[in-house]
């Protein structure tokens, strides 16, 4: 941690003379090579998402969500209409570039322009999106928008018992910060919350890592990656957990 000193010799944070709170993220799509991240629209996206999520009948992806699963499309649409009326969380659909179908959901939340902090969450990746280039690109596009807008801190939080989420965050370049014990209650059970983040001064090198991994040249004729993103982001992590 880099610090300054005041006239009393006490350590204090570095001054930010040029700091200006960033704007809130716009309700506008972000187009990539493999996917588009677009504001969630129940009329346009609910049916495709419900079908895609149904490809996992176990409902495994919903275990650590505070809502769902939704057996009926009507129930899913009702939930989505309520969520889409809000500015925080600000929900997005992840639309596959090849099929033009919505295959996943993600949102910005806990948007705090005054602090320059914003979180990504509510990630629900259907089997059609999991372990694809679009899955990673969607996270890159959302992170890029946040830092391009001027946010200083980009957060990822999850149930501390959700090991796949913690591993995914660290693959994406989020550094582990610790666990808030008994942070909340959901679905009638306790949740300890793991915190991870990327900060603005880490973004330039992390963006380069994403660019290398997402480049078409990083994949062979069978679609197999040549370089692992985790190998590119590992040197940038400040702490693992």
C-alpha atoms as a PDB file:
ATOM      1  CA  UNK A   1       0.000   0.000   0.000  1.00  0.00           C
ATOM      2  CA  UNK A   2       1.455   3.370  -1.028  1.00  0.00           C
ATOM      3  CA  UNK A   3       0.955   6.120   1.540  1.00  0.00           C
ATOM      4  CA  UNK A   4       1.738   9.761   2.220  1.00  0.00           C
ATOM      5  CA  UNK A   5       2.397  11.587   5.518  1.00  0.00           C
ATOM      6  CA  UNK A   6       0.552  14.508   7.010  1.00  0.00           C
ATOM      7  CA  UNK A   7       2.121  17.328   9.059  1.00  0.00           C
ATOM      8  CA  UNK A   8       1.821  15.170  12.188  1.00  0.00           C
ATOM      9  CA  UNK A   9       3.820  12.375  10.619  1.00  0.00           C
ATOM     10  CA  UNK A  10       0.793  10.120  10.366  1.00  0.00           C
ATOM     11  CA  UNK A  11       0.445   7.835   7.336  1.00  0.00           C
ATOM     12  CA  UNK A  12      -2.436   8.901   5.076  1.00  0.00           C
ATOM     13  CA  UNK A  13      -3.674   7.982   1.637  1.00  0.00           C
ATOM     14  CA  UNK A  14      -2.142   9.564  -1.421  1.00  0.00           C
ATOM     15  CA  UNK A  15      -3.876  12.742  -2.633  1.00  0.00           C
ATOM     16  CA  UNK A  16      -6.138  12.555  -5.680  1.00  0.00           C
ATOM     17  CA  UNK A  17      -6.139  16.145  -6.939  1.00  0.00           C
ATOM     18  CA  UNK A  18      -7.645  15.272 -10.321  1.00  0.00           C
ATOM     19  CA  UNK A  19     -10.285  12.842  -9.057  1.00  0.00           C
ATOM     20  CA  UNK A  20     -13.773  13.300 -10.439  1.00  0.00           C
ATOM     21  CA  UNK A  21     -16.617  10.842  -9.777  1.00  0.00           C
ATOM     22  CA  UNK A  22     -17.389   8.887 -12.960  1.00  0.00           C
ATOM     23  CA  UNK A  23     -20.844   8.720 -14.543  1.00  0.00           C
ATOM     24  CA  UNK A  24     -23.096   5.751 -13.941  1.00  0.00           C
ATOM     25  CA  UNK A  25     -22.827   3.066 -16.623  1.00  0.00           C
ATOM     26  CA  UNK A  26     -25.173   3.718 -19.535  1.00  0.00           C
ATOM     27  CA  UNK A  27     -27.963   1.441 -20.662  1.00  0.00           C
ATOM     28  CA  UNK A  28     -26.193   0.724 -23.916  1.00  0.00           C
ATOM     29  CA  UNK A  29     -24.885  -2.471 -25.541  1.00  0.00           C
ATOM     30  CA  UNK A  30     -21.199  -3.364 -25.672  1.00  0.00           C
ATOM     31  CA  UNK A  31     -20.213  -5.296 -28.784  1.00  0.00           C
ATOM     32  CA  UNK A  32     -17.308  -7.715 -28.853  1.00  0.00           C
ATOM     33  CA  UNK A  33     -15.965 -10.321 -31.251  1.00  0.00           C
ATOM     34  CA  UNK A  34     -17.704 -13.304 -29.652  1.00  0.00           C
ATOM     35  CA  UNK A  35     -20.639 -11.718 -27.867  1.00  0.00           C
ATOM     36  CA  UNK A  36     -22.602  -8.561 -27.159  1.00  0.00           C
ATOM     37  CA  UNK A  37     -23.441  -7.465 -23.635  1.00  0.00           C
ATOM     38  CA  UNK A  38     -26.788  -5.653 -23.824  1.00  0.00           C
ATOM     39  CA  UNK A  39     -29.241  -4.265 -21.275  1.00  0.00           C
ATOM     40  CA  UNK A  40     -31.526  -7.080 -20.190  1.00  0.00           C
ATOM     41  CA  UNK A  41     -34.933  -6.955 -21.869  1.00  0.00           C
ATOM     42  CA  UNK A  42     -37.543  -9.477 -20.696  1.00  0.00           C
ATOM     43  CA  UNK A  43     -39.404  -9.401 -24.003  1.00  0.00           C
ATOM     44  CA  UNK A  44     -36.272  -9.995 -26.049  1.00  0.00           C
ATOM     45  CA  UNK A  45     -34.215 -12.242 -23.776  1.00  0.00           C
ATOM     46  CA  UNK A  46     -36.298 -14.140 -21.214  1.00  0.00           C
ATOM     47  CA  UNK A  47     -37.413 -17.013 -23.439  1.00  0.00           C
ATOM     48  CA  UNK A  48     -33.932 -17.672 -24.843  1.00  0.00           C
ATOM     49  CA  UNK A  49     -32.388 -17.543 -21.379  1.00  0.00           C
ATOM     50  CA  UNK A  50     -35.018 -19.837 -19.891  1.00  0.00           C
ATOM     51  CA  UNK A  51     -34.432 -22.413 -22.630  1.00  0.00           C
ATOM     52  CA  UNK A  52     -30.657 -22.168 -22.247  1.00  0.00           C
ATOM     53  CA  UNK A  53     -30.810 -22.516 -18.464  1.00  0.00           C
ATOM     54  CA  UNK A  54     -33.089 -25.554 -18.811  1.00  0.00           C
ATOM     55  CA  UNK A  55     -30.201 -27.421 -20.451  1.00  0.00           C
ATOM     56  CA  UNK A  56     -28.953 -27.926 -16.896  1.00  0.00           C
ATOM     57  CA  UNK A  57     -31.939 -29.670 -15.248  1.00  0.00           C
ATOM     58  CA  UNK A  58     -30.012 -30.029 -11.979  1.00  0.00           C
ATOM     59  CA  UNK A  59     -30.198 -26.260 -11.428  1.00  0.00           C
ATOM     60  CA  UNK A  60     -26.607 -26.305 -10.250  1.00  0.00           C
ATOM     61  CA  UNK A  61     -25.908 -22.769 -11.488  1.00  0.00           C
ATOM     62  CA  UNK A  62     -28.564 -21.354  -9.125  1.00  0.00           C
ATOM     63  CA  UNK A  63     -27.179 -22.804  -5.867  1.00  0.00           C
ATOM     64  CA  UNK A  64     -25.373 -19.631  -4.803  1.00  0.00           C
ATOM     65  CA  UNK A  65     -27.897 -17.160  -6.227  1.00  0.00           C
ATOM     66  CA  UNK A  66     -30.346 -15.496  -3.847  1.00  0.00           C
ATOM     67  CA  UNK A  67     -33.215 -16.305  -6.243  1.00  0.00           C
ATOM     68  CA  UNK A  68     -34.196 -19.025  -8.686  1.00  0.00           C
ATOM     69  CA  UNK A  69     -34.257 -21.488 -10.253  1.00  0.00           C
ATOM     70  CA  UNK A  70     -37.361 -20.710 -12.273  1.00  0.00           C
ATOM     71  CA  UNK A  71     -39.177 -23.794 -13.522  1.00  0.00           C
ATOM     72  CA  UNK A  72     -41.761 -21.750 -15.431  1.00  0.00           C
ATOM     73  CA  UNK A  73     -41.025 -19.073 -18.001  1.00  0.00           C
ATOM     74  CA  UNK A  74     -43.781 -16.836 -16.590  1.00  0.00           C
ATOM     75  CA  UNK A  75     -42.119 -16.786 -13.169  1.00  0.00           C
ATOM     76  CA  UNK A  76     -38.763 -15.981 -14.731  1.00  0.00           C
ATOM     77  CA  UNK A  77     -40.285 -13.147 -16.775  1.00  0.00           C
ATOM     78  CA  UNK A  78     -41.984 -11.694 -13.696  1.00  0.00           C
ATOM     79  CA  UNK A  79     -38.718 -11.716 -11.773  1.00  0.00           C
ATOM     80  CA  UNK A  80     -36.882 -10.187 -14.720  1.00  0.00           C
ATOM     81  CA  UNK A  81     -39.386  -7.350 -15.134  1.00  0.00           C
ATOM     82  CA  UNK A  82     -38.838  -6.350 -11.529  1.00  0.00           C
ATOM     83  CA  UNK A  83     -35.071  -6.437 -11.907  1.00  0.00           C
ATOM     84  CA  UNK A  84     -35.003  -4.551 -15.198  1.00  0.00           C
ATOM     85  CA  UNK A  85     -36.884  -1.627 -13.688  1.00  0.00           C
ATOM     86  CA  UNK A  86     -33.880  -0.863 -11.477  1.00  0.00           C
ATOM     87  CA  UNK A  87     -30.706   1.084 -12.140  1.00  0.00           C
ATOM     88  CA  UNK A  88     -28.789  -0.831  -9.458  1.00  0.00           C
ATOM     89  CA  UNK A  89     -28.357  -3.669 -10.068  1.00  0.00           C
ATOM     90  CA  UNK A  90     -28.137  -2.910 -13.780  1.00  0.00           C
ATOM     91  CA  UNK A  91     -28.752  -6.228 -15.516  1.00  0.00           C
ATOM     92  CA  UNK A  92     -27.348  -7.265 -18.891  1.00  0.00           C
ATOM     93  CA  UNK A  93     -27.881 -10.208 -21.203  1.00  0.00           C
ATOM     94  CA  UNK A  94     -24.891 -11.887 -22.810  1.00  0.00           C
ATOM     95  CA  UNK A  95     -25.763 -12.565 -26.441  1.00  0.00           C
ATOM     96  CA  UNK A  96     -23.811 -15.096 -28.464  1.00  0.00           C
ATOM     97  CA  UNK A  97     -22.468 -13.544 -31.665  1.00  0.00           C
ATOM     98  CA  UNK A  98     -23.004 -16.679 -33.771  1.00  0.00           C
ATOM     99  CA  UNK A  99     -26.573 -17.475 -32.753  1.00  0.00           C
ATOM    100  CA  UNK A 100     -27.787 -13.994 -31.698  1.00  0.00           C
ATOM    101  CA  UNK A 101     -29.385 -15.725 -28.690  1.00  0.00           C
ATOM    102  CA  UNK A 102     -29.115 -14.645 -25.061  1.00  0.00           C
ATOM    103  CA  UNK A 103     -27.131 -17.313 -23.206  1.00  0.00           C
ATOM    104  CA  UNK A 104     -26.220 -15.660 -19.910  1.00  0.00           C
ATOM    105  CA  UNK A 105     -26.798 -12.797 -17.504  1.00  0.00           C
ATOM    106  CA  UNK A 106     -24.525 -10.419 -15.598  1.00  0.00           C
ATOM    107  CA  UNK A 107     -25.017  -7.096 -13.883  1.00  0.00           C
ATOM    108  CA  UNK A 108     -23.329  -4.067 -12.474  1.00  0.00           C
ATOM    109  CA  UNK A 109     -24.303  -3.448  -8.855  1.00  0.00           C
ATOM    110  CA  UNK A 110     -23.333  -1.483  -5.762  1.00  0.00           C
ATOM    111  CA  UNK A 111     -22.533   1.349  -8.130  1.00  0.00           C
ATOM    112  CA  UNK A 112     -20.851   4.099  -6.100  1.00  0.00           C
ATOM    113  CA  UNK A 113     -19.550   6.911  -8.331  1.00  0.00           C
ATOM    114  CA  UNK A 114     -18.478   9.019  -5.334  1.00  0.00           C
ATOM    115  CA  UNK A 115     -16.069   6.284  -4.268  1.00  0.00           C
ATOM    116  CA  UNK A 116     -15.254   5.234  -7.824  1.00  0.00           C
ATOM    117  CA  UNK A 117     -16.337   1.683  -7.000  1.00  0.00           C
ATOM    118  CA  UNK A 118     -18.538  -0.707  -8.961  1.00  0.00           C
ATOM    119  CA  UNK A 119     -19.221  -4.433  -8.685  1.00  0.00           C
ATOM    120  CA  UNK A 120     -19.967  -7.130 -11.243  1.00  0.00           C
ATOM    121  CA  UNK A 121     -22.326  -9.859 -10.117  1.00  0.00           C
ATOM    122  CA  UNK A 122     -25.552 -11.802 -10.583  1.00  0.00           C
ATOM    123  CA  UNK A 123     -23.626 -13.983 -13.026  1.00  0.00           C
ATOM    124  CA  UNK A 124     -25.753 -16.789 -14.415  1.00  0.00           C
ATOM    125  CA  UNK A 125     -24.058 -18.604 -17.294  1.00  0.00           C
ATOM    126  CA  UNK A 126     -26.134 -21.236 -19.083  1.00  0.00           C
ATOM    127  CA  UNK A 127     -24.464 -24.404 -20.420  1.00  0.00           C
ATOM    128  CA  UNK A 128     -24.381 -22.700 -23.840  1.00  0.00           C
ATOM    129  CA  UNK A 129     -22.076 -19.997 -22.448  1.00  0.00           C
ATOM    130  CA  UNK A 130     -19.951 -21.844 -19.932  1.00  0.00           C
ATOM    131  CA  UNK A 131     -16.291 -22.376 -20.888  1.00  0.00           C
ATOM    132  CA  UNK A 132     -16.562 -20.400 -24.123  1.00  0.00           C
ATOM    133  CA  UNK A 133     -14.628 -17.436 -25.442  1.00  0.00           C
ATOM    134  CA  UNK A 134     -17.807 -15.382 -25.164  1.00  0.00           C
ATOM    135  CA  UNK A 135     -17.971 -16.133 -21.428  1.00  0.00           C
ATOM    136  CA  UNK A 136     -14.585 -14.520 -20.885  1.00  0.00           C
ATOM    137  CA  UNK A 137     -15.117 -11.726 -23.372  1.00  0.00           C
ATOM    138  CA  UNK A 138     -18.330 -10.655 -21.620  1.00  0.00           C
ATOM    139  CA  UNK A 139     -16.392 -10.109 -18.394  1.00  0.00           C
ATOM    140  CA  UNK A 140     -13.685  -8.237 -20.284  1.00  0.00           C
ATOM    141  CA  UNK A 141     -16.226  -5.955 -21.958  1.00  0.00           C
ATOM    142  CA  UNK A 142     -17.957  -5.077 -18.699  1.00  0.00           C
ATOM    143  CA  UNK A 143     -14.679  -4.438 -16.906  1.00  0.00           C
ATOM    144  CA  UNK A 144     -13.392  -2.305 -19.758  1.00  0.00           C
ATOM    145  CA  UNK A 145     -16.510  -0.145 -19.715  1.00  0.00           C
ATOM    146  CA  UNK A 146     -16.153   0.439 -15.970  1.00  0.00           C
ATOM    147  CA  UNK A 147     -12.529   1.530 -16.181  1.00  0.00           C
ATOM    148  CA  UNK A 148     -13.091   3.549 -19.358  1.00  0.00           C
ATOM    149  CA  UNK A 149     -15.808   5.467 -17.490  1.00  0.00           C
ATOM    150  CA  UNK A 150     -13.295   6.315 -14.770  1.00  0.00           C
ATOM    151  CA  UNK A 151     -14.044   3.871 -11.952  1.00  0.00           C
ATOM    152  CA  UNK A 152     -11.117   3.159  -9.636  1.00  0.00           C
ATOM    153  CA  UNK A 153     -12.219  -0.183  -8.223  1.00  0.00           C
ATOM    154  CA  UNK A 154     -14.018  -3.132  -9.806  1.00  0.00           C
ATOM    155  CA  UNK A 155     -15.338  -5.710  -7.358  1.00  0.00           C
ATOM    156  CA  UNK A 156     -16.360  -9.366  -7.399  1.00  0.00           C
ATOM    157  CA  UNK A 157     -18.109 -10.894  -4.391  1.00  0.00           C
ATOM    158  CA  UNK A 158     -19.449 -14.389  -3.885  1.00  0.00           C
ATOM    159  CA  UNK A 159     -20.412 -16.914  -1.243  1.00  0.00           C
ATOM    160  CA  UNK A 160     -17.097 -17.908   0.320  1.00  0.00           C
ATOM    161  CA  UNK A 161     -18.073 -21.571  -0.186  1.00  0.00           C
ATOM    162  CA  UNK A 162     -18.472 -21.049  -3.938  1.00  0.00           C
ATOM    163  CA  UNK A 163     -15.042 -22.293  -4.955  1.00  0.00           C
ATOM    164  CA  UNK A 164     -15.735 -22.186  -8.724  1.00  0.00           C
ATOM    165  CA  UNK A 165     -16.675 -18.490  -8.503  1.00  0.00           C
ATOM    166  CA  UNK A 166     -13.540 -17.646  -6.547  1.00  0.00           C
ATOM    167  CA  UNK A 167     -11.397 -19.549  -9.055  1.00  0.00           C
ATOM    168  CA  UNK A 168     -13.136 -17.869 -12.000  1.00  0.00           C
ATOM    169  CA  UNK A 169     -12.568 -14.421 -10.517  1.00  0.00           C
ATOM    170  CA  UNK A 170      -8.864 -15.047 -10.029  1.00  0.00           C
ATOM    171  CA  UNK A 171      -8.523 -16.432 -13.551  1.00  0.00           C
ATOM    172  CA  UNK A 172     -10.058 -13.140 -14.717  1.00  0.00           C
ATOM    173  CA  UNK A 173      -7.477 -11.133 -12.757  1.00  0.00           C
ATOM    174  CA  UNK A 174      -9.347 -10.312  -9.543  1.00  0.00           C
ATOM    175  CA  UNK A 175      -7.150 -10.366  -6.434  1.00  0.00           C
ATOM    176  CA  UNK A 176      -8.514 -11.990  -3.298  1.00  0.00           C
ATOM    177  CA  UNK A 177      -9.043  -9.610  -0.387  1.00  0.00           C
ATOM    178  CA  UNK A 178     -10.616 -11.704   2.354  1.00  0.00           C
ATOM    179  CA  UNK A 179     -13.913 -12.928   3.793  1.00  0.00           C
ATOM    180  CA  UNK A 180     -16.671 -10.975   5.528  1.00  0.00           C
ATOM    181  CA  UNK A 181     -18.070 -13.472   8.047  1.00  0.00           C
ATOM    182  CA  UNK A 182     -21.844 -13.842   8.391  1.00  0.00           C
ATOM    183  CA  UNK A 183     -22.274 -11.089   5.816  1.00  0.00           C
ATOM    184  CA  UNK A 184     -25.857 -11.916   4.894  1.00  0.00           C
ATOM    185  CA  UNK A 185     -28.637 -14.509   4.895  1.00  0.00           C
ATOM    186  CA  UNK A 186     -30.142 -15.972   1.736  1.00  0.00           C
ATOM    187  CA  UNK A 187     -32.355 -18.949   0.985  1.00  0.00           C
ATOM    188  CA  UNK A 188     -32.595 -19.480   4.747  1.00  0.00           C
ATOM    189  CA  UNK A 189     -28.873 -20.026   5.247  1.00  0.00           C
ATOM    190  CA  UNK A 190     -25.784 -18.097   6.279  1.00  0.00           C
ATOM    191  CA  UNK A 191     -23.428 -16.557   3.765  1.00  0.00           C
ATOM    192  CA  UNK A 192     -19.845 -15.609   4.438  1.00  0.00           C
ATOM    193  CA  UNK A 193     -18.811 -13.385   1.527  1.00  0.00           C
ATOM    194  CA  UNK A 194     -15.460 -13.535  -0.273  1.00  0.00           C
ATOM    195  CA  UNK A 195     -14.249 -10.203  -1.669  1.00  0.00           C
ATOM    196  CA  UNK A 196     -12.018  -9.810  -4.744  1.00  0.00           C
ATOM    197  CA  UNK A 197     -11.142  -6.776  -6.840  1.00  0.00           C
ATOM    198  CA  UNK A 198      -9.226  -5.180  -9.680  1.00  0.00           C
ATOM    199  CA  UNK A 199      -8.120  -1.555  -9.329  1.00  0.00           C
ATOM    200  CA  UNK A 200      -7.472   1.007 -12.025  1.00  0.00           C
ATOM    201  CA  UNK A 201      -3.691   0.890 -11.962  1.00  0.00           C
ATOM    202  CA  UNK A 202      -3.824  -2.876 -12.590  1.00  0.00           C
ATOM    203  CA  UNK A 203      -6.144  -2.553 -15.578  1.00  0.00           C
ATOM    204  CA  UNK A 204      -3.647  -1.676 -18.368  1.00  0.00           C
ATOM    205  CA  UNK A 205      -1.658  -4.893 -17.941  1.00  0.00           C
ATOM    206  CA  UNK A 206      -4.784  -6.911 -17.363  1.00  0.00           C
ATOM    207  CA  UNK A 207      -6.323  -5.537 -20.550  1.00  0.00           C
ATOM    208  CA  UNK A 208      -3.236  -6.649 -22.438  1.00  0.00           C
ATOM    209  CA  UNK A 209      -3.642 -10.152 -21.000  1.00  0.00           C
ATOM    210  CA  UNK A 210      -7.257 -10.277 -22.168  1.00  0.00           C
ATOM    211  CA  UNK A 211      -6.285  -9.055 -25.628  1.00  0.00           C
ATOM    212  CA  UNK A 212      -3.691 -11.814 -25.968  1.00  0.00           C
ATOM    213  CA  UNK A 213      -6.076 -14.512 -24.811  1.00  0.00           C
ATOM    214  CA  UNK A 214      -9.089 -13.371 -26.839  1.00  0.00           C
ATOM    215  CA  UNK A 215      -7.120 -12.964 -30.088  1.00  0.00           C
ATOM    216  CA  UNK A 216      -8.211 -15.494 -32.750  1.00  0.00           C
ATOM    217  CA  UNK A 217      -4.557 -16.506 -33.118  1.00  0.00           C
ATOM    218  CA  UNK A 218      -4.666 -17.867 -29.553  1.00  0.00           C
ATOM    219  CA  UNK A 219      -6.905 -20.730 -30.693  1.00  0.00           C
ATOM    220  CA  UNK A 220      -5.992 -23.582 -32.996  1.00  0.00           C
ATOM    221  CA  UNK A 221      -8.155 -25.012 -35.768  1.00  0.00           C
ATOM    222  CA  UNK A 222     -10.058 -27.097 -33.220  1.00  0.00           C
ATOM    223  CA  UNK A 223     -10.709 -24.117 -30.986  1.00  0.00           C
ATOM    224  CA  UNK A 224      -8.197 -25.197 -28.345  1.00  0.00           C
ATOM    225  CA  UNK A 225      -6.452 -22.345 -26.546  1.00  0.00           C
ATOM    226  CA  UNK A 226      -2.701 -21.961 -26.979  1.00  0.00           C
ATOM    227  CA  UNK A 227      -2.213 -19.700 -23.955  1.00  0.00           C
ATOM    228  CA  UNK A 228      -4.237 -20.070 -20.753  1.00  0.00           C
ATOM    229  CA  UNK A 229      -5.727 -16.854 -19.423  1.00  0.00           C
ATOM    230  CA  UNK A 230      -4.870 -17.952 -15.883  1.00  0.00           C
ATOM    231  CA  UNK A 231      -1.195 -18.049 -16.847  1.00  0.00           C
ATOM    232  CA  UNK A 232      -1.412 -14.501 -18.208  1.00  0.00           C
ATOM    233  CA  UNK A 233      -3.245 -13.058 -15.200  1.00  0.00           C
ATOM    234  CA  UNK A 234      -1.447 -14.955 -12.403  1.00  0.00           C
ATOM    235  CA  UNK A 235       1.535 -12.537 -12.251  1.00  0.00           C
ATOM    236  CA  UNK A 236      -0.907  -9.640 -11.761  1.00  0.00           C
ATOM    237  CA  UNK A 237      -2.670 -11.056  -8.702  1.00  0.00           C
ATOM    238  CA  UNK A 238      -1.783  -9.446  -5.390  1.00  0.00           C
ATOM    239  CA  UNK A 239      -3.165 -12.324  -3.307  1.00  0.00           C
ATOM    240  CA  UNK A 240      -4.905 -15.648  -3.832  1.00  0.00           C
ATOM    241  CA  UNK A 241      -7.585 -17.231  -1.771  1.00  0.00           C
END
